[in-house]
Amino acid sequence: MTHIEDLVLDGGVKGARDAILALRSLRDMLAGHSSRPTNITTKWDGAPAVFCGVDPGDGKFFVAKKGIFNKNPKVYKSNADIDDDIAGTELNSKMKIALAELSKLGIKGVVQGDIMFTNDDLKTENIEGESYVTFHPNTILYAVPSDSDEARTIKKSKIGVVFHTSYKGDTFESMSAVYGVDVNKFRNVSSVWAVSAELQDLSGTVTMTKSETKEVTAALSEAGKIFKQVSSNILKDLESHKELNQLTNTFNNTFVRQRKRITNFTAHAKELEKYITAKYDIEIAKLKTDAGKKRKDAAKQDVLKFFKKYKTSEIANIFKLQSHIVTAKQIIINKLNRLNKVDTFVKTRNGFRVTSPEGFVAIDKLGGSAVKLVDRMEFAANNFSSDVIKGWDSPGRG
């Protein structure tokens, strides 16, 4: 799934237009006058992924970690199946608990989610003077006040799963995905904390103020102006040239990891060309044969044609367009964060620090397309920081 601003790089003219239209739709929805239905789901930072439901081939309940859509799907219908594939691992015990407990929910069809915890992952921790029940599957630590009904429900459960995708079809290979899972149709089982990733209520607490709506509108207006100035050819070339596209995304991501917002778009366009040139030169220098060097240099020249074909100002406009999209996105994310029912922190060497949820997914209910809205600066910095303790680094996790 693509970050909404990266539709400009990866989706050509249609992608850039879709990004702007998606943000307009979200703005209108949060302002209380949406004309196009959009679903919003929260991105939970869980692990591992779990598929579960009824095997359409034999009607038996199964769980799986991945690969169910392969020609020979790997699904687990017994503890023996799990032992045969992943013996002696933490994943082994989690899948056995998932098999035993999720089978009680009466799931129809096939659904996918993320395991947030099994009971032995739960801890009671003091954070900023308050007692919380916590679980820490990945980078983000989730915390629920210990004296809340939600905490009591969580502590009774043997497994917690956030479900986000349903699948329909007569065979695994032919199944198609539908975003969203109606967990209200599941049986109410105290041993399973089953949560839908979909936000149920987008009114009231998340209604944007006139000022916020005006800010988003201004950013989208600027994005629209720049979009009209960008030729369809440059977007098409950037989308279709696989190597150029990958290198541009990688270069942009170096700024994300450093939490640096791109502000000088002309300089960024020039630095991109230098980055690509240097990357190829390093690869060429490592090659032993003249033939190998010649092939790699030809690939380099093929990518660099882009910078000869288009002016620096034209390339800079692509990054300017992305920036306006990010500005609008960030205002919307900040508003959606207020719906967060579970507190989120990162665990550092010096204690806990408040952080935002991983992000959101916007799903066009008419078109079925979905894009990610993530505060990449914050989440990437947490993900790559050596100071942030990940769930798998915690004592007792193997």
Protein backbone atom coordinates (compact mmCIF):
# COMPACT_ATOMS: atom_id res chain seq x y z
CA MET A 1 0.00 0.00 0.00
CA THR A 2 1.35 3.40 -1.03
CA HIS A 3 1.94 6.47 1.12
CA ILE A 4 -0.44 9.09 -0.22
CA GLU A 5 2.32 11.55 -1.21
CA ASP A 6 4.18 8.79 -3.08
CA LEU A 7 1.27 8.41 -5.51
CA VAL A 8 2.89 11.40 -7.24
CA LEU A 9 6.00 9.30 -7.92
CA ASP A 10 4.43 5.88 -8.34
CA GLY A 11 1.07 6.54 -9.95
CA GLY A 12 1.65 8.99 -12.78
CA VAL A 13 -0.99 11.62 -13.53
CA LYS A 14 -3.78 9.47 -12.13
CA GLY A 15 -1.86 8.86 -8.91
CA ALA A 16 -1.19 12.54 -8.32
CA ARG A 17 -4.81 13.41 -9.03
CA ASP A 18 -6.07 10.60 -6.78
CA ALA A 19 -3.90 11.83 -3.90
CA ILE A 20 -5.39 15.32 -4.09
CA LEU A 21 -8.94 14.00 -4.46
CA ALA A 22 -8.52 11.59 -1.52
CA LEU A 23 -7.39 14.41 0.75
CA ARG A 24 -10.25 16.63 -0.42
CA SER A 25 -12.67 13.83 0.43
CA LEU A 26 -11.15 13.42 3.90
CA ARG A 27 -11.25 17.17 4.47
CA ASP A 28 -14.92 17.28 3.52
CA MET A 29 -15.75 14.29 5.71
CA LEU A 30 -14.01 15.79 8.75
CA ALA A 31 -15.63 19.14 8.06
CA GLY A 32 -19.02 17.42 8.10
CA HIS A 33 -20.09 17.63 4.47
CA SER A 34 -18.65 14.66 2.58
CA SER A 35 -20.12 13.76 -0.81
CA ARG A 36 -17.96 10.67 -1.42
CA PRO A 37 -17.96 7.80 1.11
CA THR A 38 -14.53 7.11 2.61
CA ASN A 39 -13.65 4.58 5.29
CA ILE A 40 -10.76 5.22 7.65
CA THR A 41 -8.88 2.45 9.41
CA THR A 42 -6.14 2.82 12.00
CA LYS A 43 -2.76 1.26 11.25
CA TRP A 44 -1.85 -0.78 14.32
CA ASP A 45 1.81 -1.63 14.76
CA GLY A 46 1.21 -5.32 15.42
CA ALA A 47 3.14 -8.50 14.66
CA PRO A 48 2.92 -11.14 13.44
CA ALA A 49 0.21 -10.96 10.79
CA VAL A 50 -2.39 -13.70 11.05
CA PHE A 51 -4.87 -15.05 8.51
CA CYS A 52 -7.71 -17.17 9.83
CA GLY A 53 -11.10 -18.54 8.96
CA VAL A 54 -12.64 -21.41 7.07
CA ASP A 55 -10.71 -23.22 4.35
CA PRO A 56 -13.12 -23.14 1.39
CA GLY A 57 -11.69 -26.47 0.22
CA ASP A 58 -12.61 -28.60 3.23
CA GLY A 59 -14.60 -26.34 5.56
CA LYS A 60 -12.03 -26.63 8.37
CA PHE A 61 -10.84 -23.74 10.52
CA PHE A 62 -7.24 -22.66 9.98
CA VAL A 63 -4.70 -20.02 10.92
CA ALA A 64 -1.72 -18.96 8.82
CA LYS A 65 1.06 -16.42 8.96
CA LYS A 66 1.29 -15.76 5.21
CA GLY A 67 1.34 -17.49 1.88
CA ILE A 68 -2.28 -18.61 1.85
CA PHE A 69 -2.72 -17.33 -1.69
CA ASN A 70 0.16 -19.37 -3.10
CA LYS A 71 -0.46 -22.37 -5.34
CA ASN A 72 0.20 -24.62 -2.34
CA PRO A 73 -1.08 -22.55 0.59
CA LYS A 74 0.55 -23.16 3.96
CA VAL A 75 -2.22 -23.21 6.54
CA TYR A 76 -2.31 -24.64 10.05
CA LYS A 77 -5.30 -26.73 11.14
CA SER A 78 -3.66 -28.54 14.04
CA ASN A 79 -0.83 -28.07 16.50
CA ALA A 80 1.05 -30.74 14.56
CA ASP A 81 0.86 -28.58 11.42
CA ILE A 82 2.38 -25.70 13.37
CA ASP A 83 5.15 -27.85 14.84
CA ASP A 84 6.02 -29.21 11.40
CA ASP A 85 6.61 -25.69 10.07
CA ILE A 86 7.77 -23.43 12.92
CA ALA A 87 8.86 -25.60 15.84
CA GLY A 88 10.76 -24.09 18.75
CA THR A 89 9.94 -20.42 18.13
CA GLU A 90 7.86 -17.74 19.82
CA LEU A 91 5.74 -17.70 16.67
CA ASN A 92 4.96 -21.38 17.28
CA SER A 93 3.28 -20.67 20.62
CA LYS A 94 1.42 -17.64 19.28
CA MET A 95 0.03 -19.58 16.33
CA LYS A 96 -1.11 -22.40 18.63
CA ILE A 97 -2.96 -19.90 20.83
CA ALA A 98 -4.43 -18.27 17.71
CA LEU A 99 -5.63 -21.65 16.42
CA ALA A 100 -7.24 -22.57 19.73
CA GLU A 101 -8.85 -19.23 20.50
CA LEU A 102 -9.76 -17.64 17.16
CA SER A 103 -11.64 -20.81 16.20
CA LYS A 104 -14.18 -19.87 18.91
CA LEU A 105 -15.21 -16.64 17.15
CA GLY A 106 -17.38 -18.27 14.48
CA ILE A 107 -15.58 -16.49 11.65
CA LYS A 108 -17.28 -16.81 8.27
CA GLY A 109 -14.92 -16.77 5.30
CA VAL A 110 -11.32 -15.59 5.72
CA VAL A 111 -10.02 -12.53 7.57
CA GLN A 112 -6.61 -11.00 8.22
CA GLY A 113 -5.30 -9.12 11.22
CA ASP A 114 -2.26 -8.43 13.36
CA ILE A 115 -1.58 -10.18 16.64
CA MET A 116 -1.09 -7.46 19.25
CA PHE A 117 -0.40 -9.75 22.19
CA THR A 118 -0.84 -13.10 23.81
CA ASN A 119 -1.49 -13.09 27.55
CA ASP A 120 2.15 -13.59 28.50
CA ASP A 121 3.07 -10.36 26.65
CA LEU A 122 0.86 -8.20 28.90
CA LYS A 123 2.55 -6.10 31.57
CA THR A 124 1.46 -3.61 34.20
CA GLU A 125 3.70 -0.55 33.99
CA ASN A 126 3.85 2.87 35.58
CA ILE A 127 4.05 5.58 32.93
CA GLU A 128 4.17 9.22 34.00
CA GLY A 129 2.64 8.33 37.37
CA GLU A 130 -0.25 6.30 35.98
CA SER A 131 -0.67 2.52 36.00
CA TYR A 132 -1.24 0.96 32.58
CA VAL A 133 -1.73 -2.48 31.12
CA THR A 134 0.67 -2.52 28.18
CA PHE A 135 1.52 -4.60 25.14
CA HIS A 136 4.49 -4.00 22.88
CA PRO A 137 4.40 -6.09 19.69
CA ASN A 138 6.68 -3.94 17.57
CA THR A 139 7.92 -0.34 17.69
CA ILE A 140 4.89 1.26 19.37
CA LEU A 141 3.96 0.35 22.95
CA TYR A 142 0.18 0.35 23.53
CA ALA A 143 -1.12 1.28 26.97
CA VAL A 144 -4.58 1.12 28.57
CA PRO A 145 -5.25 2.59 32.05
CA SER A 146 -5.23 -0.32 34.52
CA ASP A 147 -8.50 0.69 36.21
CA SER A 148 -10.48 0.85 32.94
CA ASP A 149 -13.03 -1.68 31.66
CA GLU A 150 -10.88 -2.11 28.55
CA ALA A 151 -7.88 -3.13 30.65
CA ARG A 152 -9.97 -5.67 32.55
CA THR A 153 -11.18 -7.13 29.24
CA ILE A 154 -7.64 -7.31 27.91
CA LYS A 155 -6.28 -9.00 31.04
CA LYS A 156 -8.94 -11.75 30.80
CA SER A 157 -8.03 -12.53 27.20
CA LYS A 158 -5.49 -15.04 25.94
CA ILE A 159 -4.87 -13.23 22.66
CA GLY A 160 -5.50 -9.81 21.16
CA VAL A 161 -5.94 -9.30 17.41
CA VAL A 162 -6.77 -6.22 15.36
CA PHE A 163 -8.58 -7.28 12.18
CA HIS A 164 -8.42 -5.16 9.04
CA THR A 165 -9.11 -7.18 5.85
CA SER A 166 -11.71 -9.71 4.69
CA TYR A 167 -11.32 -12.13 1.78
CA LYS A 168 -13.96 -13.68 -0.44
CA GLY A 169 -13.68 -16.50 -2.96
CA ASP A 170 -14.24 -20.21 -3.58
CA THR A 171 -10.53 -21.04 -3.37
CA PHE A 172 -7.54 -19.40 -1.69
CA GLU A 173 -6.02 -18.57 -5.10
CA SER A 174 -9.16 -16.84 -6.35
CA MET A 175 -9.87 -14.78 -3.23
CA SER A 176 -10.18 -11.01 -3.44
CA ALA A 177 -9.55 -8.60 -0.58
CA VAL A 178 -12.12 -6.24 0.92
CA TYR A 179 -10.87 -3.69 3.43
CA GLY A 180 -12.58 -3.91 6.78
CA VAL A 181 -13.80 -6.66 9.11
CA ASP A 182 -17.09 -6.49 11.02
CA VAL A 183 -15.99 -7.93 14.36
CA ASN A 184 -19.52 -7.39 15.70
CA LYS A 185 -20.47 -10.53 13.76
CA PHE A 186 -17.96 -12.58 15.76
CA ARG A 187 -19.04 -14.47 18.85
CA ASN A 188 -18.27 -12.61 22.05
CA VAL A 189 -15.49 -14.70 23.60
CA SER A 190 -13.72 -13.48 26.73
CA SER A 191 -10.46 -15.20 25.77
CA VAL A 192 -10.12 -13.09 22.60
CA TRP A 193 -9.70 -9.31 22.43
CA ALA A 194 -10.92 -8.86 18.85
CA VAL A 195 -10.86 -5.30 17.53
CA SER A 196 -11.64 -3.80 14.14
CA ALA A 197 -9.08 -1.41 12.70
CA GLU A 198 -11.92 0.66 11.24
CA LEU A 199 -12.76 3.92 12.96
CA GLN A 200 -16.43 3.74 13.84
CA ASP A 201 -17.20 7.36 14.64
CA LEU A 202 -15.74 10.28 12.73
CA SER A 203 -18.11 12.93 14.04
CA GLY A 204 -17.91 15.26 17.00
CA THR A 205 -14.45 14.79 18.45
CA VAL A 206 -12.74 14.89 15.06
CA THR A 207 -14.73 17.61 13.33
CA MET A 208 -12.25 20.05 11.86
CA THR A 209 -12.50 23.69 12.83
CA LYS A 210 -12.95 26.34 10.15
CA SER A 211 -9.32 27.30 10.63
CA GLU A 212 -8.08 23.74 10.14
CA THR A 213 -10.33 23.24 7.12
CA LYS A 214 -8.96 26.47 5.67
CA GLU A 215 -5.37 25.23 6.17
CA VAL A 216 -6.06 21.95 4.39
CA THR A 217 -7.88 23.76 1.59
CA ALA A 218 -4.95 26.16 1.13
CA ALA A 219 -2.45 23.28 0.91
CA LEU A 220 -4.64 21.40 -1.56
CA SER A 221 -5.16 24.56 -3.60
CA GLU A 222 -1.38 24.98 -3.89
CA ALA A 223 -1.07 21.30 -4.77
CA GLY A 224 -3.67 21.77 -7.51
CA LYS A 225 -1.81 24.76 -8.96
CA ILE A 226 1.49 22.87 -9.06
CA PHE A 227 -0.23 19.78 -10.48
CA LYS A 228 -1.42 21.85 -13.46
CA GLN A 229 2.17 22.99 -14.08
CA VAL A 230 3.62 19.47 -14.08
CA SER A 231 3.58 17.79 -17.48
CA SER A 232 1.98 14.40 -17.84
CA ASN A 233 5.17 13.15 -19.54
CA ILE A 234 7.43 13.77 -16.56
CA LEU A 235 5.05 11.94 -14.22
CA LYS A 236 4.69 9.10 -16.72
CA ASP A 237 8.47 8.76 -17.08
CA LEU A 238 9.01 8.78 -13.33
CA GLU A 239 6.33 6.14 -12.84
CA SER A 240 7.36 3.83 -15.69
CA HIS A 241 11.16 3.84 -15.31
CA LYS A 242 11.55 1.27 -12.55
CA GLU A 243 15.15 2.11 -11.60
CA LEU A 244 14.59 5.88 -11.63
CA ASN A 245 11.43 5.49 -9.56
CA GLN A 246 13.14 3.27 -6.99
CA LEU A 247 16.16 5.57 -6.63
CA THR A 248 13.95 8.64 -6.24
CA ASN A 249 11.90 6.97 -3.52
CA THR A 250 15.07 5.78 -1.77
CA PHE A 251 16.60 9.27 -1.90
CA ASN A 252 13.43 10.82 -0.45
CA ASN A 253 13.41 8.22 2.31
CA THR A 254 16.88 9.27 3.46
CA PHE A 255 15.29 12.58 4.46
CA VAL A 256 12.39 10.85 6.19
CA ARG A 257 14.79 8.80 8.32
CA GLN A 258 16.60 11.98 9.34
CA ARG A 259 13.26 13.70 10.09
CA LYS A 260 14.12 16.42 7.56
CA ARG A 261 11.29 18.01 5.61
CA ILE A 262 12.24 18.85 2.03
CA THR A 263 11.90 22.62 1.66
CA ASN A 264 14.38 23.61 -1.08
CA PHE A 265 12.90 21.77 -4.03
CA THR A 266 15.38 23.01 -6.64
CA ALA A 267 18.32 21.90 -4.50
CA HIS A 268 16.60 18.56 -3.88
CA ALA A 269 16.22 17.95 -7.62
CA LYS A 270 19.91 18.71 -8.18
CA GLU A 271 20.97 16.54 -5.23
CA LEU A 272 18.89 13.66 -6.58
CA GLU A 273 20.92 13.68 -9.80
CA LYS A 274 24.18 13.76 -7.80
CA TYR A 275 22.93 10.93 -5.56
CA ILE A 276 22.09 8.70 -8.53
CA THR A 277 25.40 9.48 -10.25
CA ALA A 278 27.42 8.69 -7.11
CA LYS A 279 25.48 5.48 -6.47
CA TYR A 280 26.20 4.15 -9.95
CA ASP A 281 29.84 5.26 -9.82
CA ILE A 282 30.35 3.24 -6.62
CA GLU A 283 28.77 0.18 -8.22
CA ILE A 284 30.85 0.58 -11.40
CA ALA A 285 34.07 0.85 -9.38
CA LYS A 286 33.34 -2.50 -7.71
CA LEU A 287 33.03 -4.38 -11.00
CA LYS A 288 36.01 -6.42 -12.24
CA THR A 289 35.43 -6.61 -15.99
CA ASP A 290 35.24 -3.89 -18.63
CA ALA A 291 32.08 -5.50 -20.00
CA GLY A 292 30.42 -5.32 -16.58
CA LYS A 293 31.47 -1.70 -16.13
CA LYS A 294 30.14 -0.86 -19.59
CA ARG A 295 26.74 -2.43 -18.87
CA LYS A 296 26.42 -0.62 -15.55
CA ASP A 297 27.46 2.69 -17.12
CA ALA A 298 24.81 2.23 -19.81
CA ALA A 299 22.21 1.72 -17.08
CA LYS A 300 23.47 4.86 -15.36
CA GLN A 301 23.17 6.93 -18.55
CA ASP A 302 19.67 5.56 -19.14
CA VAL A 303 18.53 6.85 -15.74
CA LEU A 304 20.33 10.19 -16.08
CA LYS A 305 18.52 10.90 -19.38
CA PHE A 306 15.62 12.01 -17.20
CA PHE A 307 17.68 14.97 -15.94
CA LYS A 308 18.65 15.98 -19.47
CA LYS A 309 15.09 15.67 -20.78
CA TYR A 310 13.51 17.88 -18.10
CA LYS A 311 14.52 21.19 -16.55
CA THR A 312 15.48 21.29 -12.89
CA SER A 313 12.45 23.50 -12.23
CA GLU A 314 10.14 20.84 -13.71
CA ILE A 315 11.64 18.12 -11.50
CA ALA A 316 11.51 20.44 -8.48
CA ASN A 317 7.77 20.89 -8.99
CA ILE A 318 7.24 17.17 -8.37
CA PHE A 319 8.73 17.51 -4.89
CA LYS A 320 6.84 20.74 -4.30
CA LEU A 321 3.60 18.92 -5.17
CA GLN A 322 4.48 16.15 -2.71
CA SER A 323 5.20 18.73 -0.01
CA HIS A 324 1.77 20.38 -0.29
CA ILE A 325 0.15 16.95 -0.13
CA VAL A 326 2.15 16.15 3.03
CA THR A 327 1.06 19.45 4.63
CA ALA A 328 -2.62 18.63 4.08
CA LYS A 329 -2.09 15.03 5.16
CA GLN A 330 -0.44 16.02 8.42
CA ILE A 331 -3.32 18.26 9.50
CA ILE A 332 -5.76 15.41 8.84
CA ILE A 333 -3.57 12.91 10.73
CA ASN A 334 -3.34 15.23 13.73
CA LYS A 335 -7.13 15.44 13.80
CA LEU A 336 -7.64 11.67 13.43
CA ASN A 337 -5.16 11.01 16.24
CA ARG A 338 -7.74 12.40 18.67
CA LEU A 339 -9.86 9.30 18.09
CA ASN A 340 -7.14 7.09 19.53
CA LYS A 341 -8.73 4.98 22.30
CA VAL A 342 -5.48 3.30 23.33
CA ASP A 343 -2.55 5.44 24.45
CA THR A 344 0.63 5.02 22.43
CA PHE A 345 4.24 5.40 23.57
CA VAL A 346 7.71 4.43 22.53
CA LYS A 347 9.99 2.85 25.10
CA THR A 348 13.42 4.47 25.19
CA ARG A 349 16.59 3.81 27.18
CA ASN A 350 15.51 6.67 29.46
CA GLY A 351 11.84 5.80 29.91
CA PHE A 352 8.64 6.27 27.93
CA ARG A 353 7.83 8.94 25.36
CA VAL A 354 4.38 9.75 23.99
CA THR A 355 4.05 9.04 20.28
CA SER A 356 1.27 8.99 17.70
CA PRO A 357 -0.34 5.83 16.31
CA GLU A 358 1.37 4.36 13.25
CA GLY A 359 -1.09 6.10 10.95
CA PHE A 360 -4.30 5.55 9.03
CA VAL A 361 -5.57 4.01 5.82
CA ALA A 362 -8.13 5.85 3.71
CA ILE A 363 -10.36 3.59 1.63
CA ASP A 364 -12.52 4.90 -1.20
CA LYS A 365 -15.77 2.93 -0.73
CA LEU A 366 -16.80 3.48 -4.35
CA GLY A 367 -13.49 2.80 -6.08
CA GLY A 368 -12.05 0.42 -3.50
CA SER A 369 -8.58 1.98 -3.61
CA ALA A 370 -6.62 2.55 -0.40
CA VAL A 371 -3.73 4.81 0.60
CA LYS A 372 -1.64 5.21 3.76
CA LEU A 373 -1.61 8.38 5.83
CA VAL A 374 1.43 8.08 8.08
CA ASP A 375 3.45 10.68 9.97
CA ARG A 376 6.57 9.26 8.38
CA MET A 377 8.96 11.61 10.14
CA GLU A 378 7.86 10.39 13.56
CA PHE A 379 7.23 6.73 12.83
CA ALA A 380 10.39 6.22 10.75
CA ALA A 381 12.51 8.00 13.34
CA ASN A 382 11.11 5.69 16.03
CA ASN A 383 11.53 2.64 13.83
CA PHE A 384 15.18 3.29 13.02
CA SER A 385 16.28 4.86 16.30
CA SER A 386 18.71 2.81 18.36
CA ASP A 387 17.39 4.64 21.43
CA VAL A 388 13.88 3.22 20.95
CA ILE A 389 13.43 -0.28 22.39
CA LYS A 390 11.38 -2.48 20.08
CA GLY A 391 8.95 -5.12 21.30
CA TRP A 392 11.22 -7.93 20.18
CA ASP A 393 14.12 -6.38 22.16
CA SER A 394 12.24 -6.47 25.45
CA PRO A 395 13.41 -8.87 28.17
CA GLY A 396 11.76 -12.27 27.88
CA ARG A 397 11.06 -11.96 24.16
CA GLY A 398 12.87 -14.43 21.94
